[in-house]
Amino acid sequence: MKTASMVLGIIGAIFGILAGLFAMFVGGLGHAFHSSATSGVGALGVGALLASVVGLVGAIMVGSKPKVAAILMLVAGVAGIICVSYFYILPGILLIVPGIMSFFVKKAQPHTASLNG
């Protein structure tokens, strides 16, 4: 389950980075055409981009610190959805699901040598 959480988290973070860049592109395009309806989309795209980076860090940390990784991925998924809503639906799902899965990952226990013959 550790590998699945890591892979889904990395894929979600990559899609989140793309969604953040797309939101920044839409905001820049709206600014270029002097549209007031897209005034804050670029800044929210930056927020989604930062959330995706946090999600990527969380996905990478699944092997060593699964609880911290779970919290990072959950926060990134929710923050991205709050920032750019519909642009972040797929990345949000791909970060929230492995975030929940990472809560159930157990850290590897070190092997102890048996002293019985």
PDB file of N, CA and C in Angstrom:
ATOM      1  N   MET A   1       0.821  -1.184   0.000  1.00  0.00           N
ATOM      2  CA  MET A   1       0.000   0.000   0.000  1.00  0.00           C
ATOM      3  C   MET A   1       0.870   1.255   0.000  1.00  0.00           C
ATOM      4  N   LYS A   2       2.111   1.113   0.493  1.00  0.00           N
ATOM      5  CA  LYS A   2       3.035   2.236   0.512  1.00  0.00           C
ATOM      6  C   LYS A   2       3.367   2.697  -0.905  1.00  0.00           C
ATOM      7  N   THR A   3       3.633   1.737  -1.786  1.00  0.00           N
ATOM      8  CA  THR A   3       3.984   2.064  -3.164  1.00  0.00           C
ATOM      9  C   THR A   3       2.810   2.693  -3.895  1.00  0.00           C
ATOM     10  N   ALA A   4       1.623   2.174  -3.674  1.00  0.00           N
ATOM     11  CA  ALA A   4       0.435   2.731  -4.327  1.00  0.00           C
ATOM     12  C   ALA A   4       0.193   4.165  -3.871  1.00  0.00           C
ATOM     13  N   SER A   5       0.356   4.430  -2.591  1.00  0.00           N
ATOM     14  CA  SER A   5       0.176   5.792  -2.078  1.00  0.00           C
ATOM     15  C   SER A   5       1.195   6.741  -2.691  1.00  0.00           C
ATOM     16  N   MET A   6       2.423   6.258  -2.792  1.00  0.00           N
ATOM     17  CA  MET A   6       3.473   7.102  -3.348  1.00  0.00           C
ATOM     18  C   MET A   6       3.215   7.408  -4.822  1.00  0.00           C
ATOM     19  N   VAL A   7       2.874   6.388  -5.596  1.00  0.00           N
ATOM     20  CA  VAL A   7       2.659   6.576  -7.030  1.00  0.00           C
ATOM     21  C   VAL A   7       1.443   7.471  -7.285  1.00  0.00           C
ATOM     22  N   LEU A   8       0.340   7.207  -6.599  1.00  0.00           N
ATOM     23  CA  LEU A   8      -0.848   8.043  -6.784  1.00  0.00           C
ATOM     24  C   LEU A   8      -0.586   9.484  -6.352  1.00  0.00           C
ATOM     25  N   GLY A   9       0.156   9.655  -5.268  1.00  0.00           N
ATOM     26  CA  GLY A   9       0.481  11.003  -4.808  1.00  0.00           C
ATOM     27  C   GLY A   9       1.349  11.761  -5.797  1.00  0.00           C
ATOM     28  N   ILE A  10       2.335  11.076  -6.373  1.00  0.00           N
ATOM     29  CA  ILE A  10       3.204  11.724  -7.363  1.00  0.00           C
ATOM     30  C   ILE A  10       2.419  12.084  -8.614  1.00  0.00           C
ATOM     31  N   ILE A  11       1.566  11.180  -9.077  1.00  0.00           N
ATOM     32  CA  ILE A  11       0.739  11.471 -10.258  1.00  0.00           C
ATOM     33  C   ILE A  11      -0.208  12.635  -9.972  1.00  0.00           C
ATOM     34  N   GLY A  12      -0.815  12.630  -8.784  1.00  0.00           N
ATOM     35  CA  GLY A  12      -1.706  13.728  -8.414  1.00  0.00           C
ATOM     36  C   GLY A  12      -0.971  15.055  -8.335  1.00  0.00           C
ATOM     37  N   ALA A  13       0.243  15.044  -7.795  1.00  0.00           N
ATOM     38  CA  ALA A  13       1.022  16.276  -7.695  1.00  0.00           C
ATOM     39  C   ALA A  13       1.412  16.797  -9.076  1.00  0.00           C
ATOM     40  N   ILE A  14       1.765  15.893  -9.975  1.00  0.00           N
ATOM     41  CA  ILE A  14       2.123  16.315 -11.335  1.00  0.00           C
ATOM     42  C   ILE A  14       0.912  16.920 -12.035  1.00  0.00           C
ATOM     43  N   PHE A  15      -0.241  16.258 -11.922  1.00  0.00           N
ATOM     44  CA  PHE A  15      -1.453  16.832 -12.513  1.00  0.00           C
ATOM     45  C   PHE A  15      -1.819  18.146 -11.830  1.00  0.00           C
ATOM     46  N   GLY A  16      -1.554  18.262 -10.536  1.00  0.00           N
ATOM     47  CA  GLY A  16      -1.825  19.500  -9.813  1.00  0.00           C
ATOM     48  C   GLY A  16      -0.940  20.640 -10.288  1.00  0.00           C
ATOM     49  N   ILE A  17       0.325  20.335 -10.552  1.00  0.00           N
ATOM     50  CA  ILE A  17       1.227  21.348 -11.094  1.00  0.00           C
ATOM     51  C   ILE A  17       0.715  21.821 -12.445  1.00  0.00           C
ATOM     52  N   LEU A  18       0.278  20.886 -13.274  1.00  0.00           N
ATOM     53  CA  LEU A  18      -0.280  21.260 -14.573  1.00  0.00           C
ATOM     54  C   LEU A  18      -1.550  22.088 -14.423  1.00  0.00           C
ATOM     55  N   ALA A  19      -2.400  21.732 -13.461  1.00  0.00           N
ATOM     56  CA  ALA A  19      -3.629  22.493 -13.225  1.00  0.00           C
ATOM     57  C   ALA A  19      -3.310  23.901 -12.727  1.00  0.00           C
ATOM     58  N   GLY A  20      -2.325  24.028 -11.853  1.00  0.00           N
ATOM     59  CA  GLY A  20      -1.915  25.343 -11.376  1.00  0.00           C
ATOM     60  C   GLY A  20      -1.347  26.204 -12.494  1.00  0.00           C
ATOM     61  N   LEU A  21      -0.525  25.593 -13.335  1.00  0.00           N
ATOM     62  CA  LEU A  21       0.025  26.327 -14.478  1.00  0.00           C
ATOM     63  C   LEU A  21      -1.082  26.741 -15.448  1.00  0.00           C
ATOM     64  N   PHE A  22      -2.066  25.864 -15.658  1.00  0.00           N
ATOM     65  CA  PHE A  22      -3.184  26.197 -16.540  1.00  0.00           C
ATOM     66  C   PHE A  22      -4.004  27.345 -15.961  1.00  0.00           C
ATOM     67  N   ALA A  23      -4.221  27.339 -14.652  1.00  0.00           N
ATOM     68  CA  ALA A  23      -4.962  28.431 -14.013  1.00  0.00           C
ATOM     69  C   ALA A  23      -4.191  29.745 -14.126  1.00  0.00           C
ATOM     70  N   MET A  24      -2.871  29.676 -13.967  1.00  0.00           N
ATOM     71  CA  MET A  24      -2.062  30.890 -14.137  1.00  0.00           C
ATOM     72  C   MET A  24      -2.121  31.376 -15.577  1.00  0.00           C
ATOM     73  N   PHE A  25      -2.141  30.445 -16.536  1.00  0.00           N
ATOM     74  CA  PHE A  25      -2.257  30.803 -17.949  1.00  0.00           C
ATOM     75  C   PHE A  25      -3.588  31.497 -18.219  1.00  0.00           C
ATOM     76  N   VAL A  26      -4.665  30.953 -17.667  1.00  0.00           N
ATOM     77  CA  VAL A  26      -5.987  31.559 -17.854  1.00  0.00           C
ATOM     78  C   VAL A  26      -6.026  32.946 -17.220  1.00  0.00           C
ATOM     79  N   GLY A  27      -5.435  33.084 -16.039  1.00  0.00           N
ATOM     80  CA  GLY A  27      -5.382  34.392 -15.394  1.00  0.00           C
ATOM     81  C   GLY A  27      -4.573  35.398 -16.201  1.00  0.00           C
ATOM     82  N   GLY A  28      -3.461  34.960 -16.749  1.00  0.00           N
ATOM     83  CA  GLY A  28      -2.640  35.835 -17.588  1.00  0.00           C
ATOM     84  C   GLY A  28      -3.341  36.202 -18.877  1.00  0.00           C
ATOM     85  N   LEU A  29      -4.044  35.239 -19.449  1.00  0.00           N
ATOM     86  CA  LEU A  29      -4.788  35.504 -20.676  1.00  0.00           C
ATOM     87  C   LEU A  29      -5.917  36.491 -20.418  1.00  0.00           C
ATOM     88  N   GLY A  30      -6.603  36.345 -19.289  1.00  0.00           N
ATOM     89  CA  GLY A  30      -7.656  37.288 -18.926  1.00  0.00           C
ATOM     90  C   GLY A  30      -7.110  38.684 -18.678  1.00  0.00           C
ATOM     91  N   HIS A  31      -5.917  38.740 -18.077  1.00  0.00           N
ATOM     92  CA  HIS A  31      -5.295  40.040 -17.843  1.00  0.00           C
ATOM     93  C   HIS A  31      -4.889  40.686 -19.164  1.00  0.00           C
ATOM     94  N   ALA A  32      -4.413  39.881 -20.108  1.00  0.00           N
ATOM     95  CA  ALA A  32      -4.001  40.417 -21.403  1.00  0.00           C
ATOM     96  C   ALA A  32      -5.189  40.994 -22.173  1.00  0.00           C
ATOM     97  N   PHE A  33      -6.353  40.406 -21.996  1.00  0.00           N
ATOM     98  CA  PHE A  33      -7.549  40.898 -22.684  1.00  0.00           C
ATOM     99  C   PHE A  33      -8.370  41.841 -21.804  1.00  0.00           C
ATOM    100  N   HIS A  34      -7.808  42.291 -20.698  1.00  0.00           N
ATOM    101  CA  HIS A  34      -8.438  43.260 -19.791  1.00  0.00           C
ATOM    102  C   HIS A  34      -9.791  42.782 -19.288  1.00  0.00           C
ATOM    103  N   SER A  35      -9.858  41.508 -18.934  1.00  0.00           N
ATOM    104  CA  SER A  35     -11.081  40.954 -18.378  1.00  0.00           C
ATOM    105  C   SER A  35     -11.013  41.041 -16.861  1.00  0.00           C
ATOM    106  N   SER A  36     -12.036  41.602 -16.263  1.00  0.00           N
ATOM    107  CA  SER A  36     -12.041  41.721 -14.809  1.00  0.00           C
ATOM    108  C   SER A  36     -12.520  40.439 -14.138  1.00  0.00           C
ATOM    109  N   ALA A  37     -13.116  39.534 -14.895  1.00  0.00           N
ATOM    110  CA  ALA A  37     -13.641  38.297 -14.319  1.00  0.00           C
ATOM    111  C   ALA A  37     -12.532  37.332 -13.920  1.00  0.00           C
ATOM    112  N   THR A  38     -11.361  37.455 -14.489  1.00  0.00           N
ATOM    113  CA  THR A  38     -10.262  36.528 -14.202  1.00  0.00           C
ATOM    114  C   THR A  38      -9.156  37.202 -13.412  1.00  0.00           C
ATOM    115  N   SER A  39      -9.480  38.213 -12.625  1.00  0.00           N
ATOM    116  CA  SER A  39      -8.442  38.995 -11.950  1.00  0.00           C
ATOM    117  C   SER A  39      -7.659  38.184 -10.927  1.00  0.00           C
ATOM    118  N   GLY A  40      -8.296  37.292 -10.176  1.00  0.00           N
ATOM    119  CA  GLY A  40      -7.590  36.560  -9.129  1.00  0.00           C
ATOM    120  C   GLY A  40      -7.191  35.154  -9.502  1.00  0.00           C
ATOM    121  N   VAL A  41      -7.489  34.744 -10.720  1.00  0.00           N
ATOM    122  CA  VAL A  41      -7.230  33.352 -11.097  1.00  0.00           C
ATOM    123  C   VAL A  41      -5.735  33.062 -11.142  1.00  0.00           C
ATOM    124  N   GLY A  42      -4.938  34.001 -11.575  1.00  0.00           N
ATOM    125  CA  GLY A  42      -3.490  33.786 -11.642  1.00  0.00           C
ATOM    126  C   GLY A  42      -2.882  33.574 -10.274  1.00  0.00           C
ATOM    127  N   ALA A  43      -3.307  34.383  -9.304  1.00  0.00           N
ATOM    128  CA  ALA A  43      -2.785  34.235  -7.943  1.00  0.00           C
ATOM    129  C   ALA A  43      -3.250  32.926  -7.324  1.00  0.00           C
ATOM    130  N   LEU A  44      -4.469  32.533  -7.588  1.00  0.00           N
ATOM    131  CA  LEU A  44      -4.955  31.257  -7.065  1.00  0.00           C
ATOM    132  C   LEU A  44      -4.250  30.082  -7.748  1.00  0.00           C
ATOM    133  N   GLY A  45      -3.838  30.274  -8.997  1.00  0.00           N
ATOM    134  CA  GLY A  45      -3.044  29.256  -9.681  1.00  0.00           C
ATOM    135  C   GLY A  45      -1.704  29.051  -9.010  1.00  0.00           C
ATOM    136  N   VAL A  46      -1.106  30.139  -8.522  1.00  0.00           N
ATOM    137  CA  VAL A  46       0.149  30.033  -7.773  1.00  0.00           C
ATOM    138  C   VAL A  46      -0.084  29.260  -6.478  1.00  0.00           C
ATOM    139  N   GLY A  47      -1.224  29.513  -5.829  1.00  0.00           N
ATOM    140  CA  GLY A  47      -1.563  28.766  -4.610  1.00  0.00           C
ATOM    141  C   GLY A  47      -1.717  27.285  -4.889  1.00  0.00           C
ATOM    142  N   ALA A  48      -2.365  26.947  -6.012  1.00  0.00           N
ATOM    143  CA  ALA A  48      -2.515  25.543  -6.390  1.00  0.00           C
ATOM    144  C   ALA A  48      -1.172  24.915  -6.723  1.00  0.00           C
ATOM    145  N   LEU A  49      -0.292  25.696  -7.331  1.00  0.00           N
ATOM    146  CA  LEU A  49       1.046  25.201  -7.652  1.00  0.00           C
ATOM    147  C   LEU A  49       1.824  24.896  -6.372  1.00  0.00           C
ATOM    148  N   LEU A  50       1.742  25.779  -5.387  1.00  0.00           N
ATOM    149  CA  LEU A  50       2.409  25.540  -4.108  1.00  0.00           C
ATOM    150  C   LEU A  50       1.805  24.344  -3.379  1.00  0.00           C
ATOM    151  N   ALA A  51       0.480  24.210  -3.458  1.00  0.00           N
ATOM    152  CA  ALA A  51      -0.170  23.050  -2.838  1.00  0.00           C
ATOM    153  C   ALA A  51       0.305  21.758  -3.494  1.00  0.00           C
ATOM    154  N   SER A  52       0.501  21.781  -4.795  1.00  0.00           N
ATOM    155  CA  SER A  52       0.979  20.590  -5.507  1.00  0.00           C
ATOM    156  C   SER A  52       2.390  20.216  -5.097  1.00  0.00           C
ATOM    157  N   VAL A  53       3.220  21.214  -4.870  1.00  0.00           N
ATOM    158  CA  VAL A  53       4.589  20.941  -4.416  1.00  0.00           C
ATOM    159  C   VAL A  53       4.550  20.317  -3.022  1.00  0.00           C
ATOM    160  N   VAL A  54       3.664  20.815  -2.157  1.00  0.00           N
ATOM    161  CA  VAL A  54       3.499  20.219  -0.827  1.00  0.00           C
ATOM    162  C   VAL A  54       3.026  18.768  -0.958  1.00  0.00           C
ATOM    163  N   GLY A  55       2.095  18.524  -1.887  1.00  0.00           N
ATOM    164  CA  GLY A  55       1.617  17.164  -2.132  1.00  0.00           C
ATOM    165  C   GLY A  55       2.717  16.251  -2.648  1.00  0.00           C
ATOM    166  N   LEU A  56       3.588  16.789  -3.486  1.00  0.00           N
ATOM    167  CA  LEU A  56       4.712  16.003  -4.002  1.00  0.00           C
ATOM    168  C   LEU A  56       5.681  15.639  -2.883  1.00  0.00           C
ATOM    169  N   VAL A  57       5.953  16.582  -2.005  1.00  0.00           N
ATOM    170  CA  VAL A  57       6.820  16.300  -0.853  1.00  0.00           C
ATOM    171  C   VAL A  57       6.174  15.217   0.021  1.00  0.00           C
ATOM    172  N   GLY A  58       4.868  15.329   0.218  1.00  0.00           N
ATOM    173  CA  GLY A  58       4.160  14.314   0.998  1.00  0.00           C
ATOM    174  C   GLY A  58       4.221  12.944   0.353  1.00  0.00           C
ATOM    175  N   ALA A  59       4.068  12.901  -0.966  1.00  0.00           N
ATOM    176  CA  ALA A  59       4.121  11.614  -1.666  1.00  0.00           C
ATOM    177  C   ALA A  59       5.494  10.976  -1.553  1.00  0.00           C
ATOM    178  N   ILE A  60       6.521  11.787  -1.575  1.00  0.00           N
ATOM    179  CA  ILE A  60       7.876  11.252  -1.470  1.00  0.00           C
ATOM    180  C   ILE A  60       8.147  10.747  -0.050  1.00  0.00           C
ATOM    181  N   MET A  61       7.508  11.357   0.952  1.00  0.00           N
ATOM    182  CA  MET A  61       7.756  10.991   2.348  1.00  0.00           C
ATOM    183  C   MET A  61       6.962   9.770   2.823  1.00  0.00           C
ATOM    184  N   VAL A  62       6.147   9.167   1.974  1.00  0.00           N
ATOM    185  CA  VAL A  62       5.305   8.045   2.407  1.00  0.00           C
ATOM    186  C   VAL A  62       6.136   6.907   2.986  1.00  0.00           C
ATOM    187  N   GLY A  63       7.275   6.640   2.414  1.00  0.00           N
ATOM    188  CA  GLY A  63       8.103   5.531   2.889  1.00  0.00           C
ATOM    189  C   GLY A  63       8.687   5.750   4.266  1.00  0.00           C
ATOM    190  N   SER A  64       9.096   6.978   4.567  1.00  0.00           N
ATOM    191  CA  SER A  64       9.780   7.217   5.832  1.00  0.00           C
ATOM    192  C   SER A  64       8.842   7.684   6.942  1.00  0.00           C
ATOM    193  N   LYS A  65       7.932   8.588   6.643  1.00  0.00           N
ATOM    194  CA  LYS A  65       7.011   9.125   7.657  1.00  0.00           C
ATOM    195  C   LYS A  65       5.594   9.143   7.088  1.00  0.00           C
ATOM    196  N   PRO A  66       4.893   8.020   7.141  1.00  0.00           N
ATOM    197  CA  PRO A  66       3.590   7.923   6.473  1.00  0.00           C
ATOM    198  C   PRO A  66       2.509   8.843   7.050  1.00  0.00           C
ATOM    199  N   LYS A  67       2.520   9.096   8.345  1.00  0.00           N
ATOM    200  CA  LYS A  67       1.482   9.963   8.944  1.00  0.00           C
ATOM    201  C   LYS A  67       1.663  11.410   8.510  1.00  0.00           C
ATOM    202  N   VAL A  68       2.901  11.885   8.511  1.00  0.00           N
ATOM    203  CA  VAL A  68       3.187  13.248   8.056  1.00  0.00           C
ATOM    204  C   VAL A  68       2.863  13.373   6.575  1.00  0.00           C
ATOM    205  N   ALA A  69       3.221  12.353   5.806  1.00  0.00           N
ATOM    206  CA  ALA A  69       2.934  12.352   4.375  1.00  0.00           C
ATOM    207  C   ALA A  69       1.432  12.396   4.121  1.00  0.00           C
ATOM    208  N   ALA A  70       0.671  11.663   4.918  1.00  0.00           N
ATOM    209  CA  ALA A  70      -0.783  11.650   4.767  1.00  0.00           C
ATOM    210  C   ALA A  70      -1.353  13.038   5.011  1.00  0.00           C
ATOM    211  N   ILE A  71      -0.885  13.693   6.052  1.00  0.00           N
ATOM    212  CA  ILE A  71      -1.380  15.036   6.355  1.00  0.00           C
ATOM    213  C   ILE A  71      -1.011  16.015   5.254  1.00  0.00           C
ATOM    214  N   LEU A  72       0.221  15.938   4.753  1.00  0.00           N
ATOM    215  CA  LEU A  72       0.649  16.834   3.677  1.00  0.00           C
ATOM    216  C   LEU A  72      -0.181  16.633   2.418  1.00  0.00           C
ATOM    217  N   MET A  73      -0.438  15.376   2.045  1.00  0.00           N
ATOM    218  CA  MET A  73      -1.222  15.118   0.834  1.00  0.00           C
ATOM    219  C   MET A  73      -2.669  15.551   0.996  1.00  0.00           C
ATOM    220  N   LEU A  74      -3.240  15.322   2.173  1.00  0.00           N
ATOM    221  CA  LEU A  74      -4.618  15.756   2.409  1.00  0.00           C
ATOM    222  C   LEU A  74      -4.733  17.279   2.369  1.00  0.00           C
ATOM    223  N   VAL A  75      -3.808  17.960   3.007  1.00  0.00           N
ATOM    224  CA  VAL A  75      -3.818  19.420   2.998  1.00  0.00           C
ATOM    225  C   VAL A  75      -3.636  19.947   1.579  1.00  0.00           C
ATOM    226  N   ALA A  76      -2.729  19.332   0.827  1.00  0.00           N
ATOM    227  CA  ALA A  76      -2.491  19.772  -0.548  1.00  0.00           C
ATOM    228  C   ALA A  76      -3.723  19.562  -1.422  1.00  0.00           C
ATOM    229  N   GLY A  77      -4.371  18.417  -1.277  1.00  0.00           N
ATOM    230  CA  GLY A  77      -5.562  18.152  -2.073  1.00  0.00           C
ATOM    231  C   GLY A  77      -6.687  19.121  -1.777  1.00  0.00           C
ATOM    232  N   VAL A  78      -6.945  19.370  -0.508  1.00  0.00           N
ATOM    233  CA  VAL A  78      -8.026  20.293  -0.126  1.00  0.00           C
ATOM    234  C   VAL A  78      -7.670  21.728  -0.509  1.00  0.00           C
ATOM    235  N   ALA A  79      -6.414  22.145  -0.274  1.00  0.00           N
ATOM    236  CA  ALA A  79      -5.999  23.508  -0.606  1.00  0.00           C
ATOM    237  C   ALA A  79      -6.067  23.755  -2.111  1.00  0.00           C
ATOM    238  N   GLY A  80      -5.672  22.779  -2.905  1.00  0.00           N
ATOM    239  CA  GLY A  80      -5.745  22.939  -4.358  1.00  0.00           C
ATOM    240  C   GLY A  80      -7.178  23.068  -4.840  1.00  0.00           C
ATOM    241  N   ILE A  81      -8.067  22.269  -4.268  1.00  0.00           N
ATOM    242  CA  ILE A  81      -9.477  22.359  -4.656  1.00  0.00           C
ATOM    243  C   ILE A  81     -10.048  23.716  -4.241  1.00  0.00           C
ATOM    244  N   ILE A  82      -9.654  24.217  -3.075  1.00  0.00           N
ATOM    245  CA  ILE A  82     -10.125  25.530  -2.645  1.00  0.00           C
ATOM    246  C   ILE A  82      -9.593  26.620  -3.578  1.00  0.00           C
ATOM    247  N   CYS A  83      -8.343  26.495  -4.001  1.00  0.00           N
ATOM    248  CA  CYS A  83      -7.735  27.539  -4.841  1.00  0.00           C
ATOM    249  C   CYS A  83      -8.363  27.609  -6.233  1.00  0.00           C
ATOM    250  N   VAL A  84      -8.376  26.519  -6.952  1.00  0.00           N
ATOM    251  CA  VAL A  84      -8.796  26.594  -8.359  1.00  0.00           C
ATOM    252  C   VAL A  84      -9.939  25.650  -8.696  1.00  0.00           C
ATOM    253  N   SER A  85     -10.656  25.207  -7.739  1.00  0.00           N
ATOM    254  CA  SER A  85     -11.838  24.339  -7.792  1.00  0.00           C
ATOM    255  C   SER A  85     -11.839  23.343  -8.948  1.00  0.00           C
ATOM    256  N   TYR A  86     -12.522  23.608 -10.027  1.00  0.00           N
ATOM    257  CA  TYR A  86     -12.722  22.606 -11.081  1.00  0.00           C
ATOM    258  C   TYR A  86     -11.431  22.204 -11.783  1.00  0.00           C
ATOM    259  N   PHE A  87     -10.452  23.081 -11.838  1.00  0.00           N
ATOM    260  CA  PHE A  87      -9.178  22.718 -12.446  1.00  0.00           C
ATOM    261  C   PHE A  87      -8.472  21.635 -11.632  1.00  0.00           C
ATOM    262  N   TYR A  88      -8.804  21.522 -10.360  1.00  0.00           N
ATOM    263  CA  TYR A  88      -8.054  20.673  -9.442  1.00  0.00           C
ATOM    264  C   TYR A  88      -8.840  19.444  -8.984  1.00  0.00           C
ATOM    265  N   ILE A  89      -9.921  19.105  -9.663  1.00  0.00           N
ATOM    266  CA  ILE A  89     -10.722  17.959  -9.235  1.00  0.00           C
ATOM    267  C   ILE A  89      -9.921  16.654  -9.335  1.00  0.00           C
ATOM    268  N   LEU A  90      -9.350  16.354 -10.492  1.00  0.00           N
ATOM    269  CA  LEU A  90      -8.576  15.120 -10.659  1.00  0.00           C
ATOM    270  C   LEU A  90      -7.343  15.094  -9.752  1.00  0.00           C
ATOM    271  N   PRO A  91      -6.513  16.155  -9.749  1.00  0.00           N
ATOM    272  CA  PRO A  91      -5.374  16.116  -8.827  1.00  0.00           C
ATOM    273  C   PRO A  91      -5.801  16.043  -7.366  1.00  0.00           C
ATOM    274  N   GLY A  92      -6.896  16.694  -7.029  1.00  0.00           N
ATOM    275  CA  GLY A  92      -7.375  16.646  -5.651  1.00  0.00           C
ATOM    276  C   GLY A  92      -7.738  15.239  -5.226  1.00  0.00           C
ATOM    277  N   ILE A  93      -8.446  14.537  -6.096  1.00  0.00           N
ATOM    278  CA  ILE A  93      -8.803  13.145  -5.801  1.00  0.00           C
ATOM    279  C   ILE A  93      -7.547  12.288  -5.710  1.00  0.00           C
ATOM    280  N   LEU A  94      -6.606  12.527  -6.634  1.00  0.00           N
ATOM    281  CA  LEU A  94      -5.377  11.738  -6.654  1.00  0.00           C
ATOM    282  C   LEU A  94      -4.434  12.089  -5.507  1.00  0.00           C
ATOM    283  N   LEU A  95      -4.705  13.131  -4.764  1.00  0.00           N
ATOM    284  CA  LEU A  95      -3.926  13.434  -3.564  1.00  0.00           C
ATOM    285  C   LEU A  95      -4.669  13.059  -2.284  1.00  0.00           C
ATOM    286  N   ILE A  96      -5.982  13.196  -2.281  1.00  0.00           N
ATOM    287  CA  ILE A  96      -6.753  12.891  -1.076  1.00  0.00           C
ATOM    288  C   ILE A  96      -6.827  11.384  -0.831  1.00  0.00           C
ATOM    289  N   VAL A  97      -7.046  10.601  -1.884  1.00  0.00           N
ATOM    290  CA  VAL A  97      -7.152   9.143  -1.715  1.00  0.00           C
ATOM    291  C   VAL A  97      -5.852   8.544  -1.170  1.00  0.00           C
ATOM    292  N   PRO A  98      -4.680   8.832  -1.750  1.00  0.00           N
ATOM    293  CA  PRO A  98      -3.467   8.274  -1.128  1.00  0.00           C
ATOM    294  C   PRO A  98      -3.161   8.891   0.235  1.00  0.00           C
ATOM    295  N   GLY A  99      -3.660  10.114   0.471  1.00  0.00           N
ATOM    296  CA  GLY A  99      -3.502  10.689   1.805  1.00  0.00           C
ATOM    297  C   GLY A  99      -4.235   9.871   2.843  1.00  0.00           C
ATOM    298  N   ILE A 100      -5.448   9.440   2.503  1.00  0.00           N
ATOM    299  CA  ILE A 100      -6.210   8.582   3.405  1.00  0.00           C
ATOM    300  C   ILE A 100      -5.543   7.214   3.521  1.00  0.00           C
ATOM    301  N   MET A 101      -5.054   6.682   2.391  1.00  0.00           N
ATOM    302  CA  MET A 101      -4.392   5.376   2.418  1.00  0.00           C
ATOM    303  C   MET A 101      -3.126   5.398   3.277  1.00  0.00           C
ATOM    304  N   SER A 102      -2.430   6.529   3.288  1.00  0.00           N
ATOM    305  CA  SER A 102      -1.169   6.611   4.026  1.00  0.00           C
ATOM    306  C   SER A 102      -1.364   6.564   5.532  1.00  0.00           C
ATOM    307  N   PHE A 103      -2.565   6.880   6.009  1.00  0.00           N
ATOM    308  CA  PHE A 103      -2.820   6.758   7.443  1.00  0.00           C
ATOM    309  C   PHE A 103      -2.759   5.306   7.898  1.00  0.00           C
ATOM    310  N   PHE A 104      -2.968   4.377   6.976  1.00  0.00           N
ATOM    311  CA  PHE A 104      -3.002   2.964   7.337  1.00  0.00           C
ATOM    312  C   PHE A 104      -1.704   2.241   7.015  1.00  0.00           C
ATOM    313  N   VAL A 105      -0.696   2.954   6.544  1.00  0.00           N
ATOM    314  CA  VAL A 105       0.611   2.352   6.269  1.00  0.00           C
ATOM    315  C   VAL A 105       1.368   2.223   7.581  1.00  0.00           C
ATOM    316  N   LYS A 106       1.914   1.043   7.806  1.00  0.00           N
ATOM    317  CA  LYS A 106       2.709   0.820   9.016  1.00  0.00           C
ATOM    318  C   LYS A 106       4.185   0.986   8.668  1.00  0.00           C
ATOM    319  N   LYS A 107       4.908   1.608   9.590  1.00  0.00           N
ATOM    320  CA  LYS A 107       6.346   1.732   9.390  1.00  0.00           C
ATOM    321  C   LYS A 107       6.982   0.347   9.489  1.00  0.00           C
ATOM    322  N   ALA A 108       8.029   0.134   8.729  1.00  0.00           N
ATOM    323  CA  ALA A 108       8.723  -1.147   8.742  1.00  0.00           C
ATOM    324  C   ALA A 108       9.399  -1.356  10.089  1.00  0.00           C
ATOM    325  N   GLN A 109       9.186  -2.533  10.667  1.00  0.00           N
ATOM    326  CA  GLN A 109       9.793  -2.868  11.940  1.00  0.00           C
ATOM    327  C   GLN A 109      11.167  -3.493  11.672  1.00  0.00           C
ATOM    328  N   PRO A 110      12.181  -3.089  12.419  1.00  0.00           N
ATOM    329  CA  PRO A 110      13.497  -3.696  12.219  1.00  0.00           C
ATOM    330  C   PRO A 110      13.485  -5.159  12.664  1.00  0.00           C
ATOM    331  N   HIS A 111      14.175  -5.999  11.917  1.00  0.00           N
ATOM    332  CA  HIS A 111      14.258  -7.407  12.266  1.00  0.00           C
ATOM    333  C   HIS A 111      15.160  -7.591  13.482  1.00  0.00           C
ATOM    334  N   THR A 112      14.702  -8.404  14.376  1.00  0.00           N
ATOM    335  CA  THR A 112      15.534  -8.735  15.525  1.00  0.00           C
ATOM    336  C   THR A 112      15.917 -10.204  15.410  1.00  0.00           C
ATOM    337  N   ALA A 113      17.156 -10.457  15.698  1.00  0.00           N
ATOM    338  CA  ALA A 113      17.671 -11.832  15.595  1.00  0.00           C
ATOM    339  C   ALA A 113      17.119 -12.664  16.748  1.00  0.00           C
ATOM    340  N   SER A 114      16.747 -13.866  16.444  1.00  0.00           N
ATOM    341  CA  SER A 114      16.227 -14.777  17.461  1.00  0.00           C
ATOM    342  C   SER A 114      17.396 -15.448  18.174  1.00  0.00           C
ATOM    343  N   LEU A 115      17.337 -15.448  19.490  1.00  0.00           N
ATOM    344  CA  LEU A 115      18.397 -16.079  20.281  1.00  0.00           C
ATOM    345  C   LEU A 115      18.140 -17.548  20.527  1.00  0.00           C
ATOM    346  N   ASN A 116      16.944 -18.014  20.193  1.00  0.00           N
ATOM    347  CA  ASN A 116      16.626 -19.434  20.384  1.00  0.00           C
ATOM    348  C   ASN A 116      17.194 -20.244  19.231  1.00  0.00           C
ATOM    349  N   GLY A 117      18.076 -21.101  19.507  1.00  0.00           N
ATOM    350  CA  GLY A 117      18.781 -22.010  18.667  1.00  0.00           C
ATOM    351  C   GLY A 117      18.449 -22.151  17.308  1.00  0.00           C
TER     352      GLY A 117
END
